[in-house]
Amino acid sequence: MHSNAVALDSSVLIEHLRVKRKDTSMLSRLTLAFDELCVSPLVLYEILVGQTESRLIDTGMIFENLTFLPMEEKVIAKAATIYQTLRKENKIIDHFDILIAATAIAHEIPLATLNRRHFERIDGLKLFDNATELC
């Protein structure tokens, strides 16, 4: 994995699939800003279950150019810790979002998202909410 890598939340891919001008999407800007775009396998699942048959070809083309991050033991352990912390703070978010964030943290890369509100609750997670600025 390159040192100039970023993990993508499904919101980034959903936006790209929906916009008419693909060059204006966050995904397009991230492609220019980073050497490697990565995803958790859960992002693929979230995208596939939400796509119509007509968009599956576009979806497949996007994922061909992404690096899948393994969801090994360190990711699951980190996700459990994040869940416990959020539960104690009464700030719980969706389990998939916790696992996606844990994947980015465990692989020591920032997460690009258009859903900053959920992910900013997670300590230790570096976020990108546009292609030029680390938050």
Protein backbone atom coordinates (compact mmCIF):
# COMPACT_ATOMS: atom_id res chain seq x y z
CA MET A 1 0.00 0.00 0.00
CA HIS A 2 1.26 3.46 -0.85
CA SER A 3 1.87 6.01 1.85
CA ASN A 4 -0.41 8.35 -0.10
CA ALA A 5 -3.61 6.33 0.30
CA VAL A 6 -7.14 7.09 1.43
CA ALA A 7 -10.05 4.83 2.37
CA LEU A 8 -13.45 5.61 0.87
CA ASP A 9 -16.79 5.57 2.62
CA SER A 10 -19.71 4.42 0.52
CA SER A 11 -21.08 8.00 0.47
CA VAL A 12 -18.21 9.01 -1.83
CA LEU A 13 -19.04 6.24 -4.30
CA ILE A 14 -22.79 6.85 -4.13
CA GLU A 15 -22.26 10.50 -4.98
CA HIS A 16 -20.09 9.56 -7.97
CA LEU A 17 -22.68 7.13 -9.27
CA ARG A 18 -25.46 9.73 -8.97
CA VAL A 19 -23.85 12.88 -10.39
CA LYS A 20 -24.15 13.64 -14.09
CA ARG A 21 -20.72 15.27 -14.39
CA LYS A 22 -18.37 12.64 -12.97
CA ASP A 23 -15.41 15.06 -13.00
CA THR A 24 -17.12 17.10 -10.25
CA SER A 25 -17.48 14.21 -7.80
CA MET A 26 -15.37 13.79 -4.70
CA LEU A 27 -14.16 10.45 -6.08
CA SER A 28 -12.74 12.18 -9.15
CA ARG A 29 -10.96 14.77 -6.99
CA LEU A 30 -9.57 12.05 -4.71
CA THR A 31 -8.23 10.17 -7.74
CA LEU A 32 -6.11 13.22 -8.52
CA ALA A 33 -5.01 13.78 -4.92
CA PHE A 34 -4.03 10.23 -3.88
CA ASP A 35 -1.93 7.42 -5.30
CA GLU A 36 -4.21 4.72 -3.94
CA LEU A 37 -7.94 4.62 -3.20
CA CYS A 38 -8.97 1.87 -0.80
CA VAL A 39 -12.22 0.40 0.49
CA SER A 40 -13.44 -1.99 3.11
CA PRO A 41 -15.30 -4.99 1.64
CA LEU A 42 -18.34 -3.63 3.52
CA VAL A 43 -18.39 -0.62 1.19
CA LEU A 44 -18.78 -2.96 -1.77
CA TYR A 45 -21.68 -4.66 0.02
CA GLU A 46 -23.38 -1.34 0.81
CA ILE A 47 -23.06 -0.20 -2.79
CA LEU A 48 -24.21 -3.47 -4.36
CA VAL A 49 -27.34 -3.82 -2.24
CA GLY A 50 -28.37 -0.27 -3.08
CA GLN A 51 -27.79 -0.35 -6.84
CA THR A 52 -30.23 -0.94 -9.61
CA GLU A 53 -29.35 -3.49 -12.27
CA SER A 54 -28.62 -0.73 -14.78
CA ARG A 55 -25.94 0.79 -12.52
CA LEU A 56 -24.13 -2.45 -11.72
CA ILE A 57 -21.80 -2.06 -14.71
CA ASP A 58 -20.74 1.41 -13.52
CA THR A 59 -20.31 0.03 -10.02
CA GLY A 60 -18.08 -2.80 -11.24
CA MET A 61 -15.89 -0.40 -13.18
CA ILE A 62 -15.36 1.75 -10.08
CA PHE A 63 -14.35 -1.18 -7.89
CA GLU A 64 -11.86 -2.49 -10.47
CA ASN A 65 -9.63 0.48 -9.67
CA LEU A 66 -9.82 0.28 -5.87
CA THR A 67 -7.69 -1.61 -3.38
CA PHE A 68 -9.64 -3.77 -0.94
CA LEU A 69 -8.40 -3.52 2.65
CA PRO A 70 -8.48 -6.78 4.58
CA MET A 71 -10.83 -7.03 7.54
CA GLU A 72 -8.54 -9.06 9.71
CA GLU A 73 -8.49 -9.50 13.48
CA LYS A 74 -7.00 -6.04 14.18
CA VAL A 75 -9.91 -4.39 12.35
CA ILE A 76 -12.54 -6.35 14.28
CA ALA A 77 -10.81 -5.65 17.60
CA LYS A 78 -10.64 -1.93 16.80
CA ALA A 79 -14.32 -1.92 15.78
CA ALA A 80 -15.31 -3.51 19.08
CA THR A 81 -13.36 -0.87 21.00
CA ILE A 82 -14.97 1.92 18.97
CA TYR A 83 -18.44 0.45 19.56
CA GLN A 84 -17.87 0.20 23.33
CA THR A 85 -16.63 3.79 23.50
CA LEU A 86 -19.52 5.16 21.45
CA ARG A 87 -22.04 3.17 23.49
CA LYS A 88 -20.63 4.57 26.76
CA GLU A 89 -20.85 8.10 25.32
CA ASN A 90 -24.37 7.45 23.97
CA LYS A 91 -23.12 8.37 20.48
CA ILE A 92 -23.63 5.03 18.73
CA ILE A 93 -23.61 4.91 14.91
CA ASP A 94 -24.35 2.15 12.39
CA HIS A 95 -22.24 -1.01 12.79
CA PHE A 96 -21.10 -0.84 9.16
CA ASP A 97 -19.81 2.71 9.69
CA ILE A 98 -17.93 1.55 12.78
CA LEU A 99 -16.33 -1.30 10.82
CA ILE A 100 -15.45 0.97 7.89
CA ALA A 101 -13.82 3.46 10.28
CA ALA A 102 -11.99 0.68 12.12
CA THR A 103 -10.62 -0.57 8.80
CA ALA A 104 -9.17 2.86 8.01
CA ILE A 105 -7.71 3.26 11.50
CA ALA A 106 -6.20 -0.24 11.56
CA HIS A 107 -4.55 0.35 8.18
CA GLU A 108 -3.41 3.84 9.27
CA ILE A 109 -5.02 5.80 6.45
CA PRO A 110 -7.59 8.60 6.47
CA LEU A 111 -11.22 8.05 5.52
CA ALA A 112 -12.88 10.16 2.83
CA THR A 113 -16.57 10.65 3.49
CA LEU A 114 -19.48 12.91 2.73
CA ASN A 115 -20.99 11.90 6.09
CA ARG A 116 -18.60 13.66 8.44
CA ARG A 117 -21.28 14.01 11.16
CA HIS A 118 -21.23 10.28 11.96
CA PHE A 119 -17.55 9.60 11.58
CA GLU A 120 -16.26 12.57 13.57
CA ARG A 121 -17.51 10.81 16.72
CA ILE A 122 -14.69 8.27 16.39
CA ASP A 123 -11.46 9.11 18.18
CA GLY A 124 -8.29 8.50 16.21
CA LEU A 125 -9.99 8.53 12.80
CA LYS A 126 -8.51 10.99 10.32
CA LEU A 127 -11.18 12.33 7.99
CA PHE A 128 -11.23 13.92 4.57
CA ASP A 129 -14.44 15.64 3.66
CA ASN A 130 -13.07 17.10 0.47
CA ALA A 131 -10.14 16.19 -1.77
CA THR A 132 -7.74 18.82 -0.55
CA GLU A 133 -8.05 19.01 3.22
CA LEU A 134 -7.39 16.62 6.05
CA CYS A 135 -9.82 17.30 8.88
